[in-house]
Amino acid sequence: MKSLRCFAEAQERAGMYGVIKVMQRNFKDDLKASHEDASLAIWERAYRKLFVNYSSMADNLTDGLGQRCGVDRVIILTNSKTVKVDEKLIDGDYEKFFIEFKSSVEHNTPGWVEKELLCDYILYVFKKSGKCFLLPVPQLQRAYVKNKNKWHKQYVTFMQPNKGYTTAGLLVPIKVVMQEIAYSHCAKVEVE
């Protein structure tokens, strides 16, 4: 789970266009806070509402391939099917999603919207209001690819300094992302 604690500052200034930089983060401190946040009751309440056949869930807090490819939690359904979720907990309540396109600017490492993920969904939870948004990864990534140039021109880039690297993402209105996911969900292609 990635808790975007300094997201509030960026959201408040997101009316401006350009690049936003905030104070440097410490990965070890953020990871510790993220592990503490994993036990919040809001997660199970959200999954019970989002999946009508919810049975149980398991945390994936160990640093490894699953965690690095976006699997924070595995949801087990009553038919034994599993669903892998990348969790984003936001302290405030905002009208924009943080769409990470560079995990490390300095190392040119793609962010979660541009790399292959093992998770099925990204779950954004706005802690203050309890609003939850379950975003299907293939459709979200397809929507980003389709709108990448336009979004980079139109929306604020949020630069998050960390110790040794900088993460970059776009602050895209929730309505825009949800609409583009809906369009991407019913994909039309032509093959020869």
C-alpha atoms as a PDB file:
ATOM      1  CA  MET A   1       0.000   0.000   0.000  1.00  0.00           C
ATOM      2  CA  LYS A   2       1.327   3.392  -0.911  1.00  0.00           C
ATOM      3  CA  SER A   3       0.128   6.098   1.465  1.00  0.00           C
ATOM      4  CA  LEU A   4       0.390   9.407  -0.341  1.00  0.00           C
ATOM      5  CA  ARG A   5       0.747  11.625   2.707  1.00  0.00           C
ATOM      6  CA  CYS A   6       2.023  14.762   0.953  1.00  0.00           C
ATOM      7  CA  PHE A   7      -0.645  14.444  -1.728  1.00  0.00           C
ATOM      8  CA  ALA A   8      -2.705  17.036   0.213  1.00  0.00           C
ATOM      9  CA  GLU A   9      -0.224  19.819  -0.414  1.00  0.00           C
ATOM     10  CA  ALA A  10      -0.102  19.036  -4.105  1.00  0.00           C
ATOM     11  CA  GLN A  11      -3.872  18.780  -4.391  1.00  0.00           C
ATOM     12  CA  GLU A  12      -4.307  22.209  -2.812  1.00  0.00           C
ATOM     13  CA  ARG A  13      -1.995  23.712  -5.447  1.00  0.00           C
ATOM     14  CA  ALA A  14      -3.247  21.561  -8.318  1.00  0.00           C
ATOM     15  CA  GLY A  15      -5.219  24.437  -9.786  1.00  0.00           C
ATOM     16  CA  MET A  16      -1.882  25.685 -11.141  1.00  0.00           C
ATOM     17  CA  TYR A  17      -0.414  24.125 -14.251  1.00  0.00           C
ATOM     18  CA  GLY A  18       3.161  22.973 -14.362  1.00  0.00           C
ATOM     19  CA  VAL A  19       5.254  20.992 -11.920  1.00  0.00           C
ATOM     20  CA  ILE A  20       4.748  20.725  -8.177  1.00  0.00           C
ATOM     21  CA  LYS A  21       7.576  19.714  -5.865  1.00  0.00           C
ATOM     22  CA  VAL A  22       7.179  18.971  -2.163  1.00  0.00           C
ATOM     23  CA  MET A  23       9.416  18.033   0.757  1.00  0.00           C
ATOM     24  CA  GLN A  24      11.595  14.931   0.526  1.00  0.00           C
ATOM     25  CA  ARG A  25      10.087  11.669   1.769  1.00  0.00           C
ATOM     26  CA  ASN A  26      11.830   8.815   3.562  1.00  0.00           C
ATOM     27  CA  PHE A  27      10.985   5.415   2.053  1.00  0.00           C
ATOM     28  CA  LYS A  28      11.601   3.486   5.308  1.00  0.00           C
ATOM     29  CA  ASP A  29       9.287   5.787   7.280  1.00  0.00           C
ATOM     30  CA  ASP A  30       6.639   5.649   4.551  1.00  0.00           C
ATOM     31  CA  LEU A  31       6.878   1.842   4.389  1.00  0.00           C
ATOM     32  CA  LYS A  32       6.442   1.561   8.159  1.00  0.00           C
ATOM     33  CA  ALA A  33       3.384   3.838   8.041  1.00  0.00           C
ATOM     34  CA  SER A  34       2.041   1.861   5.088  1.00  0.00           C
ATOM     35  CA  HIS A  35       2.292  -1.391   7.043  1.00  0.00           C
ATOM     36  CA  GLU A  36       0.456   0.215   9.949  1.00  0.00           C
ATOM     37  CA  ASP A  37      -2.247   1.471   7.575  1.00  0.00           C
ATOM     38  CA  ALA A  38      -2.696  -2.060   6.175  1.00  0.00           C
ATOM     39  CA  SER A  39      -4.535  -3.084   9.343  1.00  0.00           C
ATOM     40  CA  LEU A  40      -7.144  -0.305   9.165  1.00  0.00           C
ATOM     41  CA  ALA A  41     -10.740  -1.546   9.216  1.00  0.00           C
ATOM     42  CA  ILE A  42     -11.595   0.591   6.169  1.00  0.00           C
ATOM     43  CA  TRP A  43      -9.953  -1.969   3.849  1.00  0.00           C
ATOM     44  CA  GLU A  44     -12.208  -4.877   4.790  1.00  0.00           C
ATOM     45  CA  ARG A  45     -15.297  -2.649   4.753  1.00  0.00           C
ATOM     46  CA  ALA A  46     -14.375  -1.486   1.248  1.00  0.00           C
ATOM     47  CA  TYR A  47     -13.736  -4.993  -0.070  1.00  0.00           C
ATOM     48  CA  ARG A  48     -17.000  -6.311   1.379  1.00  0.00           C
ATOM     49  CA  LYS A  49     -18.880  -3.596  -0.536  1.00  0.00           C
ATOM     50  CA  LEU A  50     -16.843  -3.879  -3.741  1.00  0.00           C
ATOM     51  CA  PHE A  51     -16.943  -7.675  -4.055  1.00  0.00           C
ATOM     52  CA  VAL A  52     -20.361  -9.199  -3.322  1.00  0.00           C
ATOM     53  CA  ASN A  53     -18.782 -12.644  -2.945  1.00  0.00           C
ATOM     54  CA  TYR A  54     -15.964 -11.475  -0.641  1.00  0.00           C
ATOM     55  CA  SER A  55     -14.654 -14.206   1.659  1.00  0.00           C
ATOM     56  CA  SER A  56     -11.350 -12.998   3.118  1.00  0.00           C
ATOM     57  CA  MET A  57      -8.169 -11.081   2.396  1.00  0.00           C
ATOM     58  CA  ALA A  58      -4.436 -11.477   2.900  1.00  0.00           C
ATOM     59  CA  ASP A  59      -1.818  -8.740   3.154  1.00  0.00           C
ATOM     60  CA  ASN A  60       1.277  -8.829   0.981  1.00  0.00           C
ATOM     61  CA  LEU A  61       3.666  -6.736   3.070  1.00  0.00           C
ATOM     62  CA  THR A  62       6.859  -8.602   2.190  1.00  0.00           C
ATOM     63  CA  ASP A  63       9.191  -6.846  -0.223  1.00  0.00           C
ATOM     64  CA  GLY A  64       9.398  -9.078  -3.278  1.00  0.00           C
ATOM     65  CA  LEU A  65       8.191  -9.467  -6.854  1.00  0.00           C
ATOM     66  CA  GLY A  66       4.508  -9.281  -5.914  1.00  0.00           C
ATOM     67  CA  GLN A  67       4.947  -6.115  -3.872  1.00  0.00           C
ATOM     68  CA  ARG A  68       7.135  -4.505  -6.530  1.00  0.00           C
ATOM     69  CA  CYS A  69       4.553  -5.344  -9.206  1.00  0.00           C
ATOM     70  CA  GLY A  70       1.663  -3.772  -7.334  1.00  0.00           C
ATOM     71  CA  VAL A  71       0.208  -6.512  -5.132  1.00  0.00           C
ATOM     72  CA  ASP A  72      -0.494  -5.071  -1.685  1.00  0.00           C
ATOM     73  CA  ARG A  73      -3.384  -7.387  -0.876  1.00  0.00           C
ATOM     74  CA  VAL A  74      -5.012 -10.531  -2.212  1.00  0.00           C
ATOM     75  CA  ILE A  75      -8.792 -10.806  -1.953  1.00  0.00           C
ATOM     76  CA  ILE A  76     -10.259 -14.314  -1.781  1.00  0.00           C
ATOM     77  CA  LEU A  77     -13.795 -14.723  -3.089  1.00  0.00           C
ATOM     78  CA  THR A  78     -16.288 -17.383  -2.000  1.00  0.00           C
ATOM     79  CA  ASN A  79     -15.637 -19.388  -5.178  1.00  0.00           C
ATOM     80  CA  SER A  80     -11.862 -19.441  -4.294  1.00  0.00           C
ATOM     81  CA  LYS A  81     -10.978 -16.968  -7.027  1.00  0.00           C
ATOM     82  CA  THR A  82      -8.290 -14.495  -5.994  1.00  0.00           C
ATOM     83  CA  VAL A  83      -8.079 -10.819  -6.899  1.00  0.00           C
ATOM     84  CA  LYS A  84      -4.815  -8.896  -6.504  1.00  0.00           C
ATOM     85  CA  VAL A  85      -4.999  -5.237  -5.480  1.00  0.00           C
ATOM     86  CA  ASP A  86      -2.565  -2.321  -5.271  1.00  0.00           C
ATOM     87  CA  GLU A  87      -3.784  -0.013  -2.488  1.00  0.00           C
ATOM     88  CA  LYS A  88      -3.473   3.784  -2.396  1.00  0.00           C
ATOM     89  CA  LEU A  89      -4.497   5.417   0.883  1.00  0.00           C
ATOM     90  CA  ILE A  90      -4.926   9.195   0.757  1.00  0.00           C
ATOM     91  CA  ASP A  91      -5.228  11.127   4.025  1.00  0.00           C
ATOM     92  CA  GLY A  92      -7.462  13.882   2.657  1.00  0.00           C
ATOM     93  CA  ASP A  93     -10.398  13.993   0.280  1.00  0.00           C
ATOM     94  CA  TYR A  94      -9.674  15.225  -3.237  1.00  0.00           C
ATOM     95  CA  GLU A  95     -11.038  15.334  -6.742  1.00  0.00           C
ATOM     96  CA  LYS A  96      -7.882  14.048  -8.448  1.00  0.00           C
ATOM     97  CA  PHE A  97      -5.948  10.787  -8.708  1.00  0.00           C
ATOM     98  CA  PHE A  98      -2.158  10.649  -8.618  1.00  0.00           C
ATOM     99  CA  ILE A  99      -1.158   8.751 -11.776  1.00  0.00           C
ATOM    100  CA  GLU A 100       2.476   7.669 -11.309  1.00  0.00           C
ATOM    101  CA  PHE A 101       4.332   7.624 -14.625  1.00  0.00           C
ATOM    102  CA  LYS A 102       7.911   7.539 -13.209  1.00  0.00           C
ATOM    103  CA  SER A 103       8.802   5.560 -10.109  1.00  0.00           C
ATOM    104  CA  SER A 104      12.308   7.057 -10.279  1.00  0.00           C
ATOM    105  CA  VAL A 105      13.009   9.970 -12.584  1.00  0.00           C
ATOM    106  CA  GLU A 106      16.762   9.670 -12.006  1.00  0.00           C
ATOM    107  CA  HIS A 107      16.838   5.987 -12.991  1.00  0.00           C
ATOM    108  CA  ASN A 108      14.149   6.327 -15.686  1.00  0.00           C
ATOM    109  CA  THR A 109      12.074   3.653 -13.936  1.00  0.00           C
ATOM    110  CA  PRO A 110       8.474   3.531 -15.171  1.00  0.00           C
ATOM    111  CA  GLY A 111       5.694   4.201 -12.696  1.00  0.00           C
ATOM    112  CA  TRP A 112       2.768   1.898 -12.062  1.00  0.00           C
ATOM    113  CA  VAL A 113       0.716   3.293 -14.948  1.00  0.00           C
ATOM    114  CA  GLU A 114       3.497   2.483 -17.452  1.00  0.00           C
ATOM    115  CA  LYS A 115       4.841  -0.872 -16.230  1.00  0.00           C
ATOM    116  CA  GLU A 116       3.573  -4.419 -16.209  1.00  0.00           C
ATOM    117  CA  LEU A 117       1.744  -5.104 -12.977  1.00  0.00           C
ATOM    118  CA  LEU A 118       0.625  -8.339 -11.347  1.00  0.00           C
ATOM    119  CA  CYS A 119      -2.388  -6.679  -9.710  1.00  0.00           C
ATOM    120  CA  ASP A 120      -5.872  -6.730 -11.176  1.00  0.00           C
ATOM    121  CA  TYR A 121      -7.029  -3.469  -9.610  1.00  0.00           C
ATOM    122  CA  ILE A 122      -5.803  -0.288  -7.978  1.00  0.00           C
ATOM    123  CA  LEU A 123      -7.934   0.758  -5.024  1.00  0.00           C
ATOM    124  CA  TYR A 124      -7.842   4.436  -4.100  1.00  0.00           C
ATOM    125  CA  VAL A 125      -9.213   5.099  -0.608  1.00  0.00           C
ATOM    126  CA  PHE A 126      -9.716   8.663   0.571  1.00  0.00           C
ATOM    127  CA  LYS A 127      -9.432   8.202   4.321  1.00  0.00           C
ATOM    128  CA  LYS A 128     -11.220  11.391   5.388  1.00  0.00           C
ATOM    129  CA  SER A 129     -14.447  10.757   3.471  1.00  0.00           C
ATOM    130  CA  GLY A 130     -14.244   6.976   3.105  1.00  0.00           C
ATOM    131  CA  LYS A 131     -14.672   7.267  -0.673  1.00  0.00           C
ATOM    132  CA  CYS A 132     -13.187   4.296  -2.508  1.00  0.00           C
ATOM    133  CA  PHE A 133     -12.460   3.894  -6.203  1.00  0.00           C
ATOM    134  CA  LEU A 134     -11.640   0.473  -7.669  1.00  0.00           C
ATOM    135  CA  LEU A 135      -9.763   0.954 -10.948  1.00  0.00           C
ATOM    136  CA  PRO A 136      -9.195  -2.006 -13.300  1.00  0.00           C
ATOM    137  CA  VAL A 137      -5.507  -1.990 -14.241  1.00  0.00           C
ATOM    138  CA  PRO A 138      -5.698  -2.956 -17.962  1.00  0.00           C
ATOM    139  CA  GLN A 139      -8.365  -0.334 -18.675  1.00  0.00           C
ATOM    140  CA  LEU A 140      -6.576   2.330 -16.614  1.00  0.00           C
ATOM    141  CA  GLN A 141      -3.299   1.709 -18.426  1.00  0.00           C
ATOM    142  CA  ARG A 142      -5.070   1.696 -21.812  1.00  0.00           C
ATOM    143  CA  ALA A 143      -6.757   5.013 -20.926  1.00  0.00           C
ATOM    144  CA  TYR A 144      -3.383   6.487 -19.968  1.00  0.00           C
ATOM    145  CA  VAL A 145      -1.698   5.379 -23.200  1.00  0.00           C
ATOM    146  CA  LYS A 146      -4.571   6.817 -25.240  1.00  0.00           C
ATOM    147  CA  ASN A 147      -4.515  10.161 -23.378  1.00  0.00           C
ATOM    148  CA  LYS A 148      -0.864  10.394 -22.346  1.00  0.00           C
ATOM    149  CA  ASN A 149       0.147  13.374 -24.496  1.00  0.00           C
ATOM    150  CA  LYS A 150      -3.016  15.314 -23.742  1.00  0.00           C
ATOM    151  CA  TRP A 151      -2.855  14.649 -19.972  1.00  0.00           C
ATOM    152  CA  HIS A 152       0.807  15.671 -19.752  1.00  0.00           C
ATOM    153  CA  LYS A 153      -0.050  18.995 -21.398  1.00  0.00           C
ATOM    154  CA  GLN A 154      -3.291  19.550 -19.521  1.00  0.00           C
ATOM    155  CA  TYR A 155      -2.625  18.437 -15.913  1.00  0.00           C
ATOM    156  CA  VAL A 156      -0.175  19.221 -13.147  1.00  0.00           C
ATOM    157  CA  THR A 157       2.928  17.059 -12.757  1.00  0.00           C
ATOM    158  CA  PHE A 158       3.592  16.193  -9.115  1.00  0.00           C
ATOM    159  CA  MET A 159       7.272  15.577  -8.288  1.00  0.00           C
ATOM    160  CA  GLN A 160       7.840  13.690  -5.024  1.00  0.00           C
ATOM    161  CA  PRO A 161      11.465  13.771  -3.839  1.00  0.00           C
ATOM    162  CA  ASN A 162      12.533  10.688  -1.915  1.00  0.00           C
ATOM    163  CA  LYS A 163      15.940   9.824  -0.526  1.00  0.00           C
ATOM    164  CA  GLY A 164      17.993   9.065  -3.656  1.00  0.00           C
ATOM    165  CA  TYR A 165      15.232   9.359  -6.249  1.00  0.00           C
ATOM    166  CA  THR A 166      12.185  11.362  -7.359  1.00  0.00           C
ATOM    167  CA  THR A 167       8.750   9.966  -8.192  1.00  0.00           C
ATOM    168  CA  ALA A 168       6.654  11.762 -10.830  1.00  0.00           C
ATOM    169  CA  GLY A 169       2.940  11.575 -11.483  1.00  0.00           C
ATOM    170  CA  LEU A 170       0.047  13.490 -12.941  1.00  0.00           C
ATOM    171  CA  LEU A 171      -2.857  14.873 -10.918  1.00  0.00           C
ATOM    172  CA  VAL A 172      -5.796  13.911 -13.125  1.00  0.00           C
ATOM    173  CA  PRO A 173      -9.416  14.646 -12.165  1.00  0.00           C
ATOM    174  CA  ILE A 174     -11.285  11.565 -10.955  1.00  0.00           C
ATOM    175  CA  LYS A 175     -14.147  12.224 -13.381  1.00  0.00           C
ATOM    176  CA  VAL A 176     -11.747  12.256 -16.335  1.00  0.00           C
ATOM    177  CA  VAL A 177     -10.031   9.020 -15.292  1.00  0.00           C
ATOM    178  CA  MET A 178     -13.321   7.213 -14.646  1.00  0.00           C
ATOM    179  CA  GLN A 179     -14.768   8.326 -17.986  1.00  0.00           C
ATOM    180  CA  GLU A 180     -11.664   7.213 -19.902  1.00  0.00           C
ATOM    181  CA  ILE A 181     -11.647   3.851 -18.106  1.00  0.00           C
ATOM    182  CA  ALA A 182     -15.273   3.360 -19.140  1.00  0.00           C
ATOM    183  CA  TYR A 183     -14.348   4.091 -22.768  1.00  0.00           C
ATOM    184  CA  SER A 184     -11.332   1.785 -22.566  1.00  0.00           C
ATOM    185  CA  HIS A 185     -13.346  -1.023 -20.995  1.00  0.00           C
ATOM    186  CA  CYS A 186     -15.177  -1.680 -24.239  1.00  0.00           C
ATOM    187  CA  ALA A 187     -12.210  -1.647 -26.585  1.00  0.00           C
ATOM    188  CA  LYS A 188     -12.726  -1.753 -30.328  1.00  0.00           C
ATOM    189  CA  VAL A 189      -9.870  -2.978 -32.486  1.00  0.00           C
ATOM    190  CA  GLU A 190      -9.526  -3.981 -36.112  1.00  0.00           C
ATOM    191  CA  VAL A 191      -7.458  -6.997 -37.098  1.00  0.00           C
ATOM    192  CA  GLU A 192      -6.543  -8.306 -40.519  1.00  0.00           C
END
